[in-house]
Amino acid sequence: MYNLCSRAIAHVAGFSRLTMLVIATLVVSVSSNVVTSSAHADFIRFWEEADNKAAQAKKSFAARKAGNYKAAYKPKSKKRRQKLGGYAEKTEKVRKKSKGVRVAALGNSYYPSPSSGKSLSGGSVRWVASAGCLDSGLKAIVYRVAANFGPVTVNSTCRSKGRNRAVGGAKRSKHLSGDAVDFRVRSNVSAVYAYLRSSGGVGGLKHYGGGLFHIDNGERRSW
């Protein structure tokens, strides 16, 4: 009887060990599958995120490239074109309006003509005013001044009565008959003044300042 019980217990124990082994194997298998599935999911998620980042980077680069292209070839606005087109005009010096110079022989005030303008003849004399109506002796003096002392700009020669009134000229101004001339020199001002004072062809002589002279063929005088 004792032997029979011992064999039964051994059989049950063997069966229990087998059962436990099977259960342990199943547990290990299930755990491996769970770990493998989790790792596989993480792997897939990693590559999906990498692909998304690459796609976003590509789109961002394309957008920047398109933006740079548009900026480089964007047509200039009308305001900008006007600014570029008006560059030379904006940089030119603005001439101040003359306030007039007191001249006793010419009336209340004399307004010298602008020293800029189209020259009416070549050479070192720049005729802003007409040369054809000027007395030939005075014209010769102007050319001698230019030859000896440098370029000359002739601002005023003969005037109409209306023009003479407009600039405040004297009623009997020598400019009315073409017997007076106003001109400017840019250098050697003192030497020019001395030359004109010693010239026998100069009657009236006035230096307004800044190299601007008046000469006429009237009586010998200066002021």
N, C-alpha and C. Protein backbone atom coordinates (compact mmCIF):
# COMPACT_ATOMS: atom_id res chain seq x y z
N MET A 1 0.84 -1.20 0.00
CA MET A 1 0.00 0.00 0.00
C MET A 1 0.87 1.24 0.00
N TYR A 2 1.88 1.26 0.81
CA TYR A 2 2.81 2.39 0.89
C TYR A 2 3.48 2.63 -0.43
N ASN A 3 3.91 1.59 -1.11
CA ASN A 3 4.57 1.73 -2.41
C ASN A 3 3.64 2.32 -3.44
N LEU A 4 2.40 1.90 -3.38
CA LEU A 4 1.42 2.41 -4.34
C LEU A 4 1.22 3.90 -4.15
N CYS A 5 1.16 4.34 -2.96
CA CYS A 5 0.98 5.79 -2.68
C CYS A 5 2.21 6.56 -3.12
N SER A 6 3.39 5.99 -2.89
CA SER A 6 4.62 6.69 -3.29
C SER A 6 4.67 6.88 -4.80
N ARG A 7 4.30 5.78 -5.53
CA ARG A 7 4.32 5.92 -7.00
C ARG A 7 3.30 6.96 -7.47
N ALA A 8 2.14 7.01 -6.80
CA ALA A 8 1.11 7.99 -7.20
C ALA A 8 1.60 9.42 -6.97
N ILE A 9 2.23 9.61 -5.83
CA ILE A 9 2.75 10.97 -5.53
C ILE A 9 3.83 11.37 -6.51
N ALA A 10 4.72 10.40 -6.85
CA ALA A 10 5.80 10.69 -7.81
C ALA A 10 5.23 11.02 -9.17
N HIS A 11 4.17 10.30 -9.53
CA HIS A 11 3.56 10.55 -10.83
C HIS A 11 2.95 11.95 -10.88
N VAL A 12 2.26 12.26 -9.79
CA VAL A 12 1.64 13.62 -9.74
C VAL A 12 2.72 14.68 -9.75
N ALA A 13 3.80 14.45 -9.01
CA ALA A 13 4.89 15.44 -8.98
C ALA A 13 5.52 15.63 -10.35
N GLY A 14 5.71 14.48 -11.05
CA GLY A 14 6.28 14.58 -12.41
C GLY A 14 5.36 15.34 -13.33
N PHE A 15 4.07 15.04 -13.16
CA PHE A 15 3.09 15.75 -14.00
C PHE A 15 3.10 17.24 -13.70
N SER A 16 3.24 17.59 -12.46
CA SER A 16 3.27 19.01 -12.06
C SER A 16 4.50 19.71 -12.63
N ARG A 17 5.66 19.01 -12.57
CA ARG A 17 6.87 19.63 -13.14
C ARG A 17 6.72 19.86 -14.63
N LEU A 18 6.11 18.92 -15.32
CA LEU A 18 5.90 19.06 -16.76
C LEU A 18 4.96 20.22 -17.05
N THR A 19 3.92 20.27 -16.22
CA THR A 19 2.95 21.37 -16.42
C THR A 19 3.61 22.72 -16.20
N MET A 20 4.41 22.80 -15.15
CA MET A 20 5.09 24.06 -14.85
C MET A 20 6.06 24.45 -15.96
N LEU A 21 6.71 23.43 -16.54
CA LEU A 21 7.65 23.71 -17.63
C LEU A 21 6.92 24.25 -18.84
N VAL A 22 5.76 23.63 -19.13
CA VAL A 22 4.97 24.10 -20.29
C VAL A 22 4.50 25.53 -20.06
N ILE A 23 4.01 25.77 -18.84
CA ILE A 23 3.50 27.12 -18.53
C ILE A 23 4.63 28.15 -18.62
N ALA A 24 5.81 27.78 -18.11
CA ALA A 24 6.95 28.70 -18.17
C ALA A 24 7.33 29.00 -19.61
N THR A 25 7.28 27.94 -20.45
CA THR A 25 7.62 28.14 -21.87
C THR A 25 6.64 29.09 -22.54
N LEU A 26 5.35 28.89 -22.21
CA LEU A 26 4.32 29.77 -22.80
C LEU A 26 4.52 31.22 -22.35
N VAL A 27 4.83 31.38 -21.07
CA VAL A 27 5.04 32.75 -20.55
C VAL A 27 6.21 33.42 -21.25
N VAL A 28 7.32 32.68 -21.39
CA VAL A 28 8.49 33.25 -22.07
C VAL A 28 8.17 33.62 -23.50
N SER A 29 7.41 32.75 -24.19
CA SER A 29 7.06 33.01 -25.59
C SER A 29 6.20 34.25 -25.73
N VAL A 30 5.19 34.32 -24.81
CA VAL A 30 4.30 35.50 -24.88
C VAL A 30 5.07 36.77 -24.59
N SER A 31 5.96 36.73 -23.59
CA SER A 31 6.76 37.91 -23.25
C SER A 31 7.64 38.34 -24.41
N SER A 32 8.24 37.34 -25.09
CA SER A 32 9.09 37.65 -26.24
C SER A 32 8.30 38.32 -27.34
N ASN A 33 7.08 37.78 -27.56
CA ASN A 33 6.24 38.38 -28.61
C ASN A 33 5.87 39.82 -28.27
N VAL A 34 5.55 40.02 -26.99
CA VAL A 34 5.18 41.39 -26.57
C VAL A 34 6.35 42.34 -26.76
N VAL A 35 7.55 41.91 -26.30
CA VAL A 35 8.74 42.76 -26.45
C VAL A 35 9.05 43.03 -27.90
N THR A 36 8.96 41.97 -28.73
CA THR A 36 9.25 42.11 -30.16
C THR A 36 8.27 43.06 -30.82
N SER A 37 6.99 42.91 -30.48
CA SER A 37 5.97 43.78 -31.08
C SER A 37 6.21 45.23 -30.68
N SER A 38 6.55 45.45 -29.41
CA SER A 38 6.81 46.82 -28.94
C SER A 38 8.01 47.43 -29.65
N ALA A 39 9.08 46.62 -29.78
CA ALA A 39 10.28 47.12 -30.46
C ALA A 39 9.99 47.42 -31.92
N HIS A 40 9.19 46.54 -32.54
CA HIS A 40 8.85 46.75 -33.95
C HIS A 40 8.04 48.03 -34.12
N ALA A 41 7.12 48.27 -33.20
CA ALA A 41 6.30 49.49 -33.27
C ALA A 41 7.17 50.73 -33.10
N ASP A 42 8.10 50.66 -32.13
CA ASP A 42 9.00 51.80 -31.92
C ASP A 42 9.86 52.05 -33.16
N PHE A 43 10.31 50.97 -33.80
CA PHE A 43 11.13 51.09 -35.00
C PHE A 43 10.36 51.77 -36.13
N ILE A 44 9.10 51.32 -36.31
CA ILE A 44 8.27 51.92 -37.36
C ILE A 44 8.01 53.39 -37.07
N ARG A 45 7.72 53.72 -35.79
CA ARG A 45 7.45 55.10 -35.41
C ARG A 45 8.68 55.98 -35.66
N PHE A 46 9.88 55.46 -35.37
CA PHE A 46 11.12 56.21 -35.59
C PHE A 46 11.29 56.59 -37.06
N TRP A 47 11.08 55.63 -37.96
CA TRP A 47 11.27 55.92 -39.39
C TRP A 47 10.17 56.81 -39.94
N GLU A 48 8.96 56.70 -39.41
CA GLU A 48 7.89 57.60 -39.85
C GLU A 48 8.22 59.04 -39.47
N GLU A 49 8.71 59.22 -38.24
CA GLU A 49 9.08 60.57 -37.81
C GLU A 49 10.24 61.11 -38.64
N ALA A 50 11.21 60.25 -38.95
CA ALA A 50 12.35 60.67 -39.77
C ALA A 50 11.89 61.08 -41.17
N ASP A 51 10.97 60.28 -41.74
CA ASP A 51 10.45 60.63 -43.07
C ASP A 51 9.68 61.94 -43.05
N ASN A 52 8.90 62.15 -41.99
CA ASN A 52 8.14 63.40 -41.88
C ASN A 52 9.06 64.61 -41.78
N LYS A 53 10.13 64.48 -40.96
CA LYS A 53 11.08 65.57 -40.82
C LYS A 53 11.77 65.88 -42.14
N ALA A 54 12.13 64.83 -42.88
CA ALA A 54 12.78 65.03 -44.18
C ALA A 54 11.85 65.74 -45.15
N ALA A 55 10.58 65.33 -45.15
CA ALA A 55 9.61 65.96 -46.05
C ALA A 55 9.41 67.42 -45.69
N GLN A 56 9.32 67.73 -44.39
CA GLN A 56 9.15 69.11 -43.95
C GLN A 56 10.37 69.96 -44.31
N ALA A 57 11.56 69.40 -44.15
CA ALA A 57 12.77 70.13 -44.50
C ALA A 57 12.82 70.43 -46.00
N LYS A 58 12.39 69.47 -46.80
CA LYS A 58 12.37 69.66 -48.25
C LYS A 58 11.39 70.76 -48.64
N LYS A 59 10.20 70.75 -48.01
CA LYS A 59 9.21 71.79 -48.30
C LYS A 59 9.72 73.16 -47.87
N SER A 60 10.37 73.23 -46.71
CA SER A 60 10.90 74.50 -46.21
C SER A 60 11.97 75.06 -47.14
N PHE A 61 12.86 74.18 -47.63
CA PHE A 61 13.90 74.61 -48.56
C PHE A 61 13.29 75.13 -49.86
N ALA A 62 12.29 74.41 -50.37
CA ALA A 62 11.64 74.84 -51.61
C ALA A 62 10.96 76.19 -51.43
N ALA A 63 10.34 76.40 -50.25
CA ALA A 63 9.65 77.67 -49.99
C ALA A 63 10.66 78.81 -49.91
N ARG A 64 11.80 78.57 -49.23
CA ARG A 64 12.82 79.62 -49.14
C ARG A 64 13.39 79.95 -50.50
N LYS A 65 13.63 78.93 -51.30
CA LYS A 65 14.18 79.15 -52.64
C LYS A 65 13.22 79.96 -53.49
N ALA A 66 11.93 79.63 -53.41
CA ALA A 66 10.93 80.38 -54.17
C ALA A 66 10.85 81.82 -53.69
N GLY A 67 10.95 82.02 -52.38
CA GLY A 67 10.91 83.38 -51.83
C GLY A 67 12.10 84.21 -52.27
N ASN A 68 13.29 83.60 -52.27
CA ASN A 68 14.48 84.32 -52.71
C ASN A 68 14.39 84.69 -54.18
N TYR A 69 13.84 83.80 -54.99
CA TYR A 69 13.69 84.06 -56.42
C TYR A 69 12.75 85.24 -56.65
N LYS A 70 11.64 85.26 -55.91
CA LYS A 70 10.68 86.36 -56.08
C LYS A 70 11.29 87.68 -55.63
N ALA A 71 12.06 87.62 -54.53
CA ALA A 71 12.67 88.85 -54.03
C ALA A 71 13.71 89.39 -55.01
N ALA A 72 14.47 88.46 -55.64
CA ALA A 72 15.52 88.89 -56.55
C ALA A 72 14.96 89.48 -57.83
N TYR A 73 13.84 88.98 -58.29
CA TYR A 73 13.29 89.41 -59.57
C TYR A 73 12.01 90.21 -59.42
N LYS A 74 11.77 90.75 -58.22
CA LYS A 74 10.58 91.56 -57.99
C LYS A 74 10.73 92.89 -58.73
N PRO A 75 9.77 93.29 -59.55
CA PRO A 75 9.88 94.55 -60.29
C PRO A 75 9.98 95.73 -59.33
N LYS A 76 10.79 96.72 -59.69
CA LYS A 76 10.94 97.90 -58.86
C LYS A 76 9.64 98.70 -58.86
N SER A 77 9.30 99.24 -57.73
CA SER A 77 8.08 100.03 -57.62
C SER A 77 8.22 101.33 -58.40
N LYS A 78 7.09 101.96 -58.68
CA LYS A 78 7.10 103.21 -59.43
C LYS A 78 7.87 104.28 -58.68
N LYS A 79 7.69 104.30 -57.35
CA LYS A 79 8.39 105.29 -56.53
C LYS A 79 9.88 105.09 -56.62
N ARG A 80 10.34 103.81 -56.58
CA ARG A 80 11.76 103.52 -56.67
C ARG A 80 12.31 103.93 -58.03
N ARG A 81 11.55 103.65 -59.13
CA ARG A 81 12.01 104.03 -60.46
C ARG A 81 12.14 105.54 -60.58
N GLN A 82 11.18 106.26 -59.99
CA GLN A 82 11.25 107.71 -60.04
C GLN A 82 12.48 108.22 -59.30
N LYS A 83 12.77 107.56 -58.17
CA LYS A 83 13.93 107.97 -57.40
C LYS A 83 15.21 107.76 -58.19
N LEU A 84 15.33 106.61 -58.84
CA LEU A 84 16.52 106.33 -59.62
C LEU A 84 16.62 107.26 -60.82
N GLY A 85 15.46 107.46 -61.46
CA GLY A 85 15.46 108.33 -62.63
C GLY A 85 15.78 109.76 -62.28
N GLY A 86 15.47 110.21 -61.04
CA GLY A 86 15.70 111.59 -60.65
C GLY A 86 16.99 111.79 -59.90
N TYR A 87 17.91 110.78 -59.97
CA TYR A 87 19.14 110.87 -59.17
C TYR A 87 19.97 112.08 -59.55
N ALA A 88 20.20 112.29 -60.87
CA ALA A 88 21.04 113.40 -61.29
C ALA A 88 20.44 114.73 -60.88
N GLU A 89 19.13 114.87 -61.04
CA GLU A 89 18.46 116.11 -60.68
C GLU A 89 18.58 116.39 -59.20
N LYS A 90 18.45 115.37 -58.38
CA LYS A 90 18.50 115.56 -56.94
C LYS A 90 19.89 115.96 -56.47
N THR A 91 20.92 115.53 -57.18
CA THR A 91 22.28 115.79 -56.72
C THR A 91 22.84 117.10 -57.25
N GLU A 92 22.18 117.76 -58.17
CA GLU A 92 22.67 119.02 -58.68
C GLU A 92 22.50 120.11 -57.63
N LYS A 93 23.40 121.04 -57.61
CA LYS A 93 23.32 122.13 -56.65
C LYS A 93 22.15 123.04 -56.97
N VAL A 94 21.47 123.46 -55.95
CA VAL A 94 20.35 124.39 -56.12
C VAL A 94 20.89 125.80 -56.05
N ARG A 95 20.59 126.56 -57.07
CA ARG A 95 21.10 127.92 -57.13
C ARG A 95 20.22 128.85 -56.31
N LYS A 96 20.86 129.67 -55.50
CA LYS A 96 20.12 130.62 -54.69
C LYS A 96 19.70 131.82 -55.53
N LYS A 97 18.51 132.29 -55.25
CA LYS A 97 18.00 133.45 -55.97
C LYS A 97 18.77 134.69 -55.55
N SER A 98 19.20 135.48 -56.54
CA SER A 98 19.96 136.67 -56.25
C SER A 98 19.09 137.71 -55.56
N LYS A 99 19.63 138.34 -54.55
CA LYS A 99 18.92 139.40 -53.84
C LYS A 99 19.15 140.77 -54.45
N GLY A 100 20.02 140.84 -55.45
CA GLY A 100 20.27 142.12 -56.10
C GLY A 100 21.48 142.81 -55.51
N VAL A 101 22.11 143.65 -56.32
CA VAL A 101 23.30 144.39 -55.91
C VAL A 101 23.04 145.86 -56.15
N ARG A 102 23.35 146.68 -55.19
CA ARG A 102 23.17 148.12 -55.34
C ARG A 102 24.20 148.66 -56.32
N VAL A 103 23.73 149.31 -57.37
CA VAL A 103 24.61 149.89 -58.38
C VAL A 103 24.12 151.30 -58.66
N ALA A 104 24.94 152.30 -58.35
CA ALA A 104 24.50 153.69 -58.47
C ALA A 104 24.21 154.07 -59.91
N ALA A 105 25.05 153.62 -60.83
CA ALA A 105 24.90 154.04 -62.22
C ALA A 105 23.75 153.33 -62.91
N LEU A 106 23.25 152.24 -62.34
CA LEU A 106 22.22 151.47 -63.01
C LEU A 106 20.86 151.59 -62.34
N GLY A 107 20.74 152.45 -61.34
CA GLY A 107 19.45 152.61 -60.69
C GLY A 107 19.47 152.02 -59.29
N ASN A 108 18.32 151.56 -58.84
CA ASN A 108 18.20 151.06 -57.48
C ASN A 108 18.98 149.78 -57.24
N SER A 109 18.72 148.78 -58.05
CA SER A 109 19.38 147.49 -57.87
C SER A 109 19.69 146.87 -59.22
N TYR A 110 20.76 146.11 -59.24
CA TYR A 110 21.11 145.36 -60.44
C TYR A 110 21.07 143.89 -60.11
N TYR A 111 20.37 143.11 -60.90
CA TYR A 111 20.27 141.67 -60.68
C TYR A 111 21.09 140.96 -61.74
N PRO A 112 22.28 140.50 -61.38
CA PRO A 112 23.11 139.83 -62.40
C PRO A 112 22.43 138.59 -62.93
N SER A 113 22.59 138.36 -64.23
CA SER A 113 22.01 137.18 -64.85
C SER A 113 22.71 135.94 -64.34
N PRO A 114 22.04 134.78 -64.32
CA PRO A 114 22.70 133.55 -63.87
C PRO A 114 23.92 133.26 -64.70
N SER A 115 24.95 132.73 -64.06
CA SER A 115 26.20 132.47 -64.76
C SER A 115 26.17 131.17 -65.54
N SER A 116 25.06 130.43 -65.46
CA SER A 116 24.96 129.18 -66.21
C SER A 116 24.03 129.38 -67.40
N GLY A 117 24.23 128.59 -68.41
CA GLY A 117 23.39 128.67 -69.59
C GLY A 117 24.18 128.22 -70.80
N LYS A 118 23.54 128.11 -71.92
CA LYS A 118 24.20 127.63 -73.13
C LYS A 118 25.09 128.72 -73.70
N SER A 119 26.32 128.38 -73.98
CA SER A 119 27.24 129.33 -74.56
C SER A 119 26.85 129.62 -76.00
N LEU A 120 26.93 130.90 -76.37
CA LEU A 120 26.58 131.29 -77.73
C LEU A 120 27.78 131.29 -78.66
N SER A 121 28.95 131.02 -78.14
CA SER A 121 30.14 130.89 -78.98
C SER A 121 31.15 130.05 -78.25
N GLY A 122 32.16 129.60 -78.99
CA GLY A 122 33.16 128.75 -78.37
C GLY A 122 34.27 129.55 -77.73
N GLY A 123 35.42 128.90 -77.49
CA GLY A 123 36.57 129.57 -76.92
C GLY A 123 36.48 129.67 -75.42
N SER A 124 37.39 130.51 -74.84
CA SER A 124 37.45 130.66 -73.40
C SER A 124 36.45 131.69 -72.89
N VAL A 125 35.65 132.28 -73.75
CA VAL A 125 34.59 133.21 -73.35
C VAL A 125 33.26 132.50 -73.50
N ARG A 126 32.51 132.48 -72.45
CA ARG A 126 31.19 131.83 -72.46
C ARG A 126 30.12 132.91 -72.49
N TRP A 127 29.42 132.99 -73.61
CA TRP A 127 28.43 134.05 -73.81
C TRP A 127 27.05 133.54 -73.41
N VAL A 128 26.64 133.88 -72.20
CA VAL A 128 25.27 133.59 -71.78
C VAL A 128 24.32 134.62 -72.37
N ALA A 129 24.80 135.86 -72.50
CA ALA A 129 24.04 136.93 -73.16
C ALA A 129 24.50 137.05 -74.61
N SER A 130 23.77 137.83 -75.39
CA SER A 130 24.07 137.98 -76.82
C SER A 130 25.38 138.72 -77.04
N ALA A 131 26.18 138.22 -77.98
CA ALA A 131 27.44 138.89 -78.32
C ALA A 131 27.28 139.80 -79.53
N GLY A 132 26.24 139.56 -80.34
CA GLY A 132 26.10 140.30 -81.59
C GLY A 132 25.80 141.77 -81.41
N CYS A 133 25.12 142.14 -80.33
CA CYS A 133 24.72 143.53 -80.13
C CYS A 133 25.74 144.33 -79.33
N LEU A 134 26.81 143.70 -78.85
CA LEU A 134 27.77 144.37 -77.99
C LEU A 134 28.78 145.16 -78.82
N ASP A 135 29.17 146.32 -78.30
CA ASP A 135 30.20 147.15 -78.92
C ASP A 135 31.46 146.34 -79.16
N SER A 136 32.04 146.48 -80.34
CA SER A 136 33.18 145.65 -80.73
C SER A 136 34.40 145.90 -79.85
N GLY A 137 34.59 147.16 -79.40
CA GLY A 137 35.72 147.46 -78.54
C GLY A 137 35.61 146.75 -77.19
N LEU A 138 34.40 146.75 -76.62
CA LEU A 138 34.19 146.04 -75.35
C LEU A 138 34.34 144.53 -75.53
N LYS A 139 33.88 144.06 -76.68
CA LYS A 139 34.01 142.62 -76.95
C LYS A 139 35.48 142.22 -77.01
N ALA A 140 36.30 143.07 -77.63
CA ALA A 140 37.73 142.78 -77.72
C ALA A 140 38.37 142.75 -76.33
N ILE A 141 37.94 143.65 -75.45
CA ILE A 141 38.48 143.67 -74.08
C ILE A 141 38.13 142.37 -73.36
N VAL A 142 36.90 141.90 -73.54
CA VAL A 142 36.48 140.65 -72.90
C VAL A 142 37.37 139.50 -73.36
N TYR A 143 37.66 139.44 -74.66
CA TYR A 143 38.50 138.35 -75.17
C TYR A 143 39.94 138.46 -74.66
N ARG A 144 40.43 139.70 -74.50
CA ARG A 144 41.79 139.86 -73.98
C ARG A 144 41.87 139.43 -72.51
N VAL A 145 40.82 139.73 -71.75
CA VAL A 145 40.78 139.29 -70.35
C VAL A 145 40.83 137.76 -70.28
N ALA A 146 40.04 137.11 -71.14
CA ALA A 146 40.02 135.65 -71.16
C ALA A 146 41.37 135.07 -71.55
N ALA A 147 42.01 135.70 -72.54
CA ALA A 147 43.30 135.20 -73.01
C ALA A 147 44.39 135.35 -71.96
N ASN A 148 44.33 136.42 -71.17
CA ASN A 148 45.40 136.72 -70.22
C ASN A 148 45.17 136.15 -68.82
N PHE A 149 43.89 136.00 -68.43
CA PHE A 149 43.62 135.68 -67.03
C PHE A 149 42.73 134.45 -66.82
N GLY A 150 42.22 133.88 -67.87
CA GLY A 150 41.40 132.67 -67.70
C GLY A 150 39.98 132.85 -68.20
N PRO A 151 39.20 131.79 -68.14
CA PRO A 151 37.84 131.78 -68.71
C PRO A 151 36.96 132.91 -68.17
N VAL A 152 36.11 133.41 -69.05
CA VAL A 152 35.19 134.50 -68.74
C VAL A 152 33.78 134.06 -69.09
N THR A 153 32.82 134.40 -68.23
CA THR A 153 31.41 134.17 -68.52
C THR A 153 30.72 135.52 -68.64
N VAL A 154 30.15 135.80 -69.81
CA VAL A 154 29.45 137.07 -70.05
C VAL A 154 28.00 136.91 -69.66
N ASN A 155 27.55 137.69 -68.67
CA ASN A 155 26.20 137.55 -68.13
C ASN A 155 25.19 138.50 -68.75
N SER A 156 25.62 139.70 -69.12
CA SER A 156 24.67 140.70 -69.61
C SER A 156 25.35 141.61 -70.61
N THR A 157 24.66 141.87 -71.72
CA THR A 157 25.15 142.82 -72.73
C THR A 157 24.05 143.85 -72.97
N CYS A 158 23.46 143.85 -74.15
CA CYS A 158 22.40 144.81 -74.43
C CYS A 158 21.07 144.35 -73.82
N ARG A 159 20.22 145.34 -73.46
CA ARG A 159 18.93 145.05 -72.85
C ARG A 159 17.83 145.84 -73.55
N SER A 160 16.66 145.28 -73.54
CA SER A 160 15.48 146.04 -73.96
C SER A 160 15.06 146.95 -72.81
N LYS A 161 14.20 147.93 -73.11
CA LYS A 161 13.74 148.83 -72.05
C LYS A 161 12.97 148.06 -70.97
N GLY A 162 12.16 147.10 -71.42
CA GLY A 162 11.41 146.31 -70.45
C GLY A 162 12.32 145.51 -69.55
N ARG A 163 13.32 144.91 -70.15
CA ARG A 163 14.28 144.13 -69.36
C ARG A 163 15.06 145.03 -68.41
N ASN A 164 15.44 146.20 -68.92
CA ASN A 164 16.20 147.13 -68.09
C ASN A 164 15.39 147.59 -66.88
N ARG A 165 14.08 147.85 -67.10
CA ARG A 165 13.22 148.23 -65.97
C ARG A 165 13.08 147.07 -64.99
N ALA A 166 12.96 145.87 -65.53
CA ALA A 166 12.75 144.70 -64.67
C ALA A 166 13.92 144.46 -63.73
N VAL A 167 15.14 144.77 -64.18
CA VAL A 167 16.32 144.55 -63.34
C VAL A 167 16.73 145.80 -62.58
N GLY A 168 15.93 146.87 -62.70
CA GLY A 168 16.24 148.09 -61.96
C GLY A 168 17.36 148.90 -62.55
N GLY A 169 17.55 148.82 -63.87
CA GLY A 169 18.61 149.57 -64.52
C GLY A 169 18.29 151.05 -64.61
N ALA A 170 19.35 151.86 -64.77
CA ALA A 170 19.19 153.31 -64.92
C ALA A 170 18.47 153.62 -66.23
N LYS A 171 17.78 154.74 -66.26
CA LYS A 171 17.02 155.10 -67.47
C LYS A 171 17.93 155.28 -68.67
N ARG A 172 19.16 155.75 -68.43
CA ARG A 172 20.11 155.95 -69.53
C ARG A 172 21.23 154.91 -69.48
N SER A 173 20.91 153.73 -69.06
CA SER A 173 21.90 152.67 -68.94
C SER A 173 22.58 152.40 -70.27
N LYS A 174 23.89 152.21 -70.22
CA LYS A 174 24.66 151.88 -71.42
C LYS A 174 24.25 150.51 -71.99
N HIS A 175 23.61 149.69 -71.19
CA HIS A 175 23.16 148.39 -71.69
C HIS A 175 22.07 148.54 -72.75
N LEU A 176 21.34 149.65 -72.72
CA LEU A 176 20.24 149.84 -73.68
C LEU A 176 20.77 149.95 -75.11
N SER A 177 21.98 150.43 -75.26
CA SER A 177 22.56 150.62 -76.59
C SER A 177 23.66 149.61 -76.91
N GLY A 178 23.88 148.64 -76.04
CA GLY A 178 24.93 147.65 -76.28
C GLY A 178 26.31 148.18 -76.00
N ASP A 179 26.42 149.24 -75.18
CA ASP A 179 27.70 149.84 -74.87
C ASP A 179 28.18 149.49 -73.46
N ALA A 180 27.66 148.41 -72.91
CA ALA A 180 28.08 147.95 -71.58
C ALA A 180 28.00 146.43 -71.54
N VAL A 181 28.85 145.86 -70.71
CA VAL A 181 28.87 144.41 -70.58
C VAL A 181 29.19 144.04 -69.13
N ASP A 182 28.52 143.03 -68.64
CA ASP A 182 28.81 142.48 -67.31
C ASP A 182 29.34 141.06 -67.50
N PHE A 183 30.45 140.76 -66.86
CA PHE A 183 31.05 139.43 -67.01
C PHE A 183 31.68 139.01 -65.70
N ARG A 184 31.97 137.72 -65.61
CA ARG A 184 32.55 137.15 -64.39
C ARG A 184 33.81 136.36 -64.74
N VAL A 185 34.82 136.49 -63.87
CA VAL A 185 36.02 135.66 -63.95
C VAL A 185 36.09 134.82 -62.68
N ARG A 186 36.72 133.66 -62.79
CA ARG A 186 36.80 132.74 -61.65
C ARG A 186 38.14 132.77 -60.93
N SER A 187 39.10 133.45 -61.51
CA SER A 187 40.43 133.51 -60.89
C SER A 187 41.11 134.81 -61.28
N ASN A 188 42.23 135.12 -60.59
CA ASN A 188 43.02 136.32 -60.89
C ASN A 188 42.17 137.60 -60.86
N VAL A 189 41.28 137.69 -59.89
CA VAL A 189 40.34 138.81 -59.85
C VAL A 189 41.07 140.15 -59.70
N SER A 190 42.03 140.21 -58.81
CA SER A 190 42.77 141.46 -58.59
C SER A 190 43.53 141.88 -59.85
N ALA A 191 44.13 140.91 -60.52
CA ALA A 191 44.87 141.22 -61.75
C ALA A 191 43.93 141.70 -62.84
N VAL A 192 42.74 141.10 -62.93
CA VAL A 192 41.76 141.54 -63.93
C VAL A 192 41.32 142.97 -63.64
N TYR A 193 41.08 143.28 -62.37
CA TYR A 193 40.66 144.63 -62.01
C TYR A 193 41.73 145.66 -62.37
N ALA A 194 42.99 145.32 -62.08
CA ALA A 194 44.09 146.23 -62.42
C ALA A 194 44.20 146.41 -63.93
N TYR A 195 44.02 145.35 -64.67
CA TYR A 195 44.09 145.44 -66.13
C TYR A 195 42.98 146.33 -66.68
N LEU A 196 41.77 146.17 -66.19
CA LEU A 196 40.65 146.98 -66.68
C LEU A 196 40.84 148.46 -66.34
N ARG A 197 41.38 148.74 -65.17
CA ARG A 197 41.61 150.14 -64.78
C ARG A 197 42.64 150.81 -65.69
N SER A 198 43.59 150.02 -66.18
CA SER A 198 44.64 150.59 -67.04
C SER A 198 44.29 150.56 -68.52
N SER A 199 43.17 149.91 -68.86
CA SER A 199 42.80 149.78 -70.27
C SER A 199 42.17 151.08 -70.78
N GLY A 200 42.67 151.56 -71.90
CA GLY A 200 42.13 152.80 -72.46
C GLY A 200 40.74 152.64 -73.04
N GLY A 201 40.31 151.42 -73.33
CA GLY A 201 38.99 151.22 -73.92
C GLY A 201 37.87 151.13 -72.90
N VAL A 202 38.21 151.14 -71.62
CA VAL A 202 37.20 151.03 -70.56
C VAL A 202 36.88 152.41 -70.03
N GLY A 203 35.57 152.76 -70.05
CA GLY A 203 35.14 154.02 -69.46
C GLY A 203 34.67 153.78 -68.04
N GLY A 204 33.46 153.26 -67.90
CA GLY A 204 32.95 152.94 -66.57
C GLY A 204 33.41 151.56 -66.13
N LEU A 205 33.79 151.47 -64.85
CA LEU A 205 34.29 150.20 -64.31
C LEU A 205 33.72 149.99 -62.91
N LYS A 206 33.18 148.81 -62.68
CA LYS A 206 32.67 148.45 -61.37
C LYS A 206 32.92 146.97 -61.11
N HIS A 207 33.50 146.69 -59.95
CA HIS A 207 33.63 145.30 -59.50
C HIS A 207 32.60 145.06 -58.41
N TYR A 208 31.61 144.23 -58.70
CA TYR A 208 30.54 143.96 -57.73
C TYR A 208 31.00 143.01 -56.62
N GLY A 209 32.10 142.33 -56.85
CA GLY A 209 32.57 141.33 -55.90
C GLY A 209 32.46 139.94 -56.48
N GLY A 210 33.32 139.05 -56.01
CA GLY A 210 33.27 137.67 -56.48
C GLY A 210 33.68 137.50 -57.93
N GLY A 211 34.43 138.47 -58.49
CA GLY A 211 34.87 138.37 -59.88
C GLY A 211 33.87 138.86 -60.89
N LEU A 212 32.77 139.50 -60.46
CA LEU A 212 31.74 140.02 -61.38
C LEU A 212 32.03 141.50 -61.67
N PHE A 213 32.26 141.81 -62.96
CA PHE A 213 32.63 143.15 -63.38
C PHE A 213 31.59 143.75 -64.32
N HIS A 214 31.50 145.09 -64.26
CA HIS A 214 30.75 145.87 -65.25
C HIS A 214 31.74 146.82 -65.92
N ILE A 215 31.74 146.84 -67.24
CA ILE A 215 32.52 147.85 -67.98
C ILE A 215 31.63 148.43 -69.07
N ASP A 216 31.89 149.69 -69.39
CA ASP A 216 31.19 150.32 -70.52
C ASP A 216 32.15 151.28 -71.19
N ASN A 217 31.72 151.88 -72.31
CA ASN A 217 32.59 152.78 -73.07
C ASN A 217 32.21 154.25 -72.87
N GLY A 218 31.58 154.51 -71.73
CA GLY A 218 31.21 155.90 -71.44
C GLY A 218 32.37 156.67 -70.84
N GLU A 219 32.04 157.66 -70.02
CA GLU A 219 33.06 158.49 -69.40
C GLU A 219 33.92 157.64 -68.45
N ARG A 220 35.15 158.11 -68.28
CA ARG A 220 36.09 157.38 -67.41
C ARG A 220 35.65 157.55 -65.95
N ARG A 221 35.27 156.44 -65.31
CA ARG A 221 34.80 156.51 -63.93
C ARG A 221 34.82 155.11 -63.33
N SER A 222 34.78 155.05 -62.04
CA SER A 222 34.65 153.77 -61.34
C SER A 222 33.89 154.02 -60.05
N TRP A 223 33.25 153.00 -59.54
CA TRP A 223 32.46 153.15 -58.31
C TRP A 223 32.37 151.81 -57.59
